[in-house]
Amino acid sequence: MPNHTYYYKILETAPPTPLPETLPTTALDAKDGFIHLSTAQQTPVTANLFFKDFTKLWILKLRVKDLDGEVKFPEELPGCPHVHDSKLGLGKRNVETVIVVERDEKADWGSVEELKHLED
């Protein structure tokens, strides 16, 4: 497995401020039964694939060491870690920061400066 300090969770709406102990589960995560995340390099790609209709996103920068559950990298999606069997979910104990990113409607998420400089 790749060695990462951070993974990222893309949200289409702002998380509560201050962050609670546990954030609500996204509809996709609830449906699939695991938490969908991205590596730094994969985050703009994921945003382009699944959030192309949005011009503003909230990115949770997550400390890998503070995630519970089993992290799996699907063979077909090597830059998309999935957290299975998390008891604690995502929240203030594992979110380093919330990054708000915006783009012009005609721009690609890969052109957004904040997404170019995410830490691994």
Protein backbone atom coordinates (compact mmCIF):
# COMPACT_ATOMS: atom_id res chain seq x y z
CA MET A 1 0.00 0.00 0.00
CA PRO A 2 1.18 3.53 -0.67
CA ASN A 3 2.34 5.48 2.36
CA HIS A 4 0.17 8.57 2.83
CA THR A 5 -0.20 11.02 5.67
CA TYR A 6 -3.49 12.44 4.36
CA TYR A 7 -6.53 11.31 2.41
CA TYR A 8 -9.30 13.59 1.19
CA LYS A 9 -13.08 13.46 1.29
CA ILE A 10 -14.99 15.61 -1.22
CA LEU A 11 -18.28 17.10 -0.02
CA GLU A 12 -20.80 18.99 -2.14
CA THR A 13 -22.15 20.92 0.85
CA ALA A 14 -20.42 22.67 3.73
CA PRO A 15 -19.86 20.54 6.83
CA PRO A 16 -21.15 21.93 10.15
CA THR A 17 -18.96 24.45 11.96
CA PRO A 18 -17.50 23.57 14.36
CA LEU A 19 -17.02 20.00 13.17
CA PRO A 20 -18.91 17.48 15.28
CA GLU A 21 -17.41 14.28 16.69
CA THR A 22 -18.99 12.44 13.77
CA LEU A 23 -20.20 13.96 10.52
CA PRO A 24 -23.34 12.61 8.86
CA THR A 25 -22.62 9.81 6.40
CA THR A 26 -22.94 10.80 2.74
CA ALA A 27 -25.68 9.09 0.72
CA LEU A 28 -23.10 7.30 -1.46
CA ASP A 29 -21.11 6.04 1.54
CA ALA A 30 -24.31 4.81 3.22
CA LYS A 31 -25.42 3.04 0.02
CA ASP A 32 -22.02 1.41 -0.60
CA GLY A 33 -21.29 0.58 3.05
CA PHE A 34 -17.85 2.22 3.18
CA ILE A 35 -16.27 5.69 3.13
CA HIS A 36 -15.07 6.86 -0.30
CA LEU A 37 -11.84 8.87 -0.14
CA SER A 38 -9.16 10.09 -2.56
CA THR A 39 -5.41 10.53 -2.40
CA ALA A 40 -3.99 14.01 -3.02
CA GLN A 41 -3.21 13.19 -6.65
CA GLN A 42 -6.61 11.57 -7.24
CA THR A 43 -8.75 14.33 -5.66
CA PRO A 44 -9.00 16.61 -8.76
CA VAL A 45 -9.66 13.55 -10.94
CA THR A 46 -12.45 12.40 -8.61
CA ALA A 47 -13.88 15.93 -8.58
CA ASN A 48 -13.92 16.01 -12.39
CA LEU A 49 -15.60 12.60 -12.61
CA PHE A 50 -18.23 12.89 -9.90
CA PHE A 51 -18.58 16.61 -9.09
CA LYS A 52 -18.38 18.13 -12.58
CA ASP A 53 -21.66 20.01 -12.13
CA PHE A 54 -20.45 21.83 -9.02
CA THR A 55 -18.44 25.06 -8.91
CA LYS A 56 -17.78 24.93 -5.15
CA LEU A 57 -16.70 21.95 -3.05
CA TRP A 58 -15.56 21.30 0.50
CA ILE A 59 -12.56 19.01 0.86
CA LEU A 60 -11.89 17.31 4.19
CA LYS A 61 -8.16 16.80 4.74
CA LEU A 62 -8.03 13.62 6.82
CA ARG A 63 -5.16 12.30 8.94
CA VAL A 64 -4.69 8.70 7.83
CA LYS A 65 -3.33 7.70 11.26
CA ASP A 66 -6.60 8.81 12.88
CA LEU A 67 -8.94 6.79 10.66
CA ASP A 68 -10.43 3.63 12.10
CA GLY A 69 -11.56 0.69 10.04
CA GLU A 70 -9.78 -1.14 7.24
CA VAL A 71 -8.41 0.92 4.34
CA LYS A 72 -8.64 -0.85 1.00
CA PHE A 73 -7.45 0.33 -2.40
CA PRO A 74 -9.64 -1.20 -5.10
CA GLU A 75 -7.56 -2.58 -7.95
CA GLU A 76 -9.58 -0.63 -10.52
CA LEU A 77 -9.31 2.63 -8.53
CA PRO A 78 -5.77 2.71 -7.05
CA GLY A 79 -6.01 6.38 -5.97
CA CYS A 80 -9.32 5.94 -4.18
CA PRO A 81 -8.96 4.46 -0.70
CA HIS A 82 -12.11 3.01 0.81
CA VAL A 83 -12.52 2.80 4.58
CA HIS A 84 -14.50 -0.29 5.58
CA ASP A 85 -15.97 -1.06 9.00
CA SER A 86 -15.32 2.38 10.51
CA LYS A 87 -16.95 2.69 13.92
CA LEU A 88 -16.08 6.38 14.39
CA GLY A 89 -16.58 7.72 10.85
CA LEU A 90 -15.28 11.15 9.93
CA GLY A 91 -15.30 14.09 12.31
CA LYS A 92 -13.17 16.42 14.38
CA ARG A 93 -10.88 13.62 15.62
CA ASN A 94 -9.54 12.88 12.10
CA VAL A 95 -10.18 16.02 10.03
CA GLU A 96 -7.06 18.18 9.89
CA THR A 97 -8.81 21.01 8.03
CA VAL A 98 -11.64 21.83 5.65
CA ILE A 99 -10.51 23.28 2.32
CA VAL A 100 -13.08 25.24 0.31
CA VAL A 101 -12.40 25.19 -3.43
CA GLU A 102 -14.14 27.05 -6.21
CA ARG A 103 -13.80 27.04 -9.96
CA ASP A 104 -15.18 28.85 -12.95
CA GLU A 105 -17.94 26.89 -14.73
CA LYS A 106 -15.71 26.38 -17.76
CA ALA A 107 -12.63 25.35 -15.76
CA ASP A 108 -11.53 21.84 -14.91
CA TRP A 109 -11.06 20.92 -11.20
CA GLY A 110 -7.45 20.07 -12.03
CA SER A 111 -6.78 23.74 -12.73
CA VAL A 112 -7.77 24.82 -9.20
CA GLU A 113 -4.59 25.88 -7.34
CA GLU A 114 -5.65 24.48 -3.96
CA LEU A 115 -6.15 21.04 -5.50
CA LYS A 116 -2.75 21.13 -7.21
CA HIS A 117 -1.00 21.48 -3.86
CA LEU A 118 -2.70 18.92 -1.63
CA GLU A 119 -0.31 17.03 0.64
CA ASP A 120 0.17 13.29 0.40
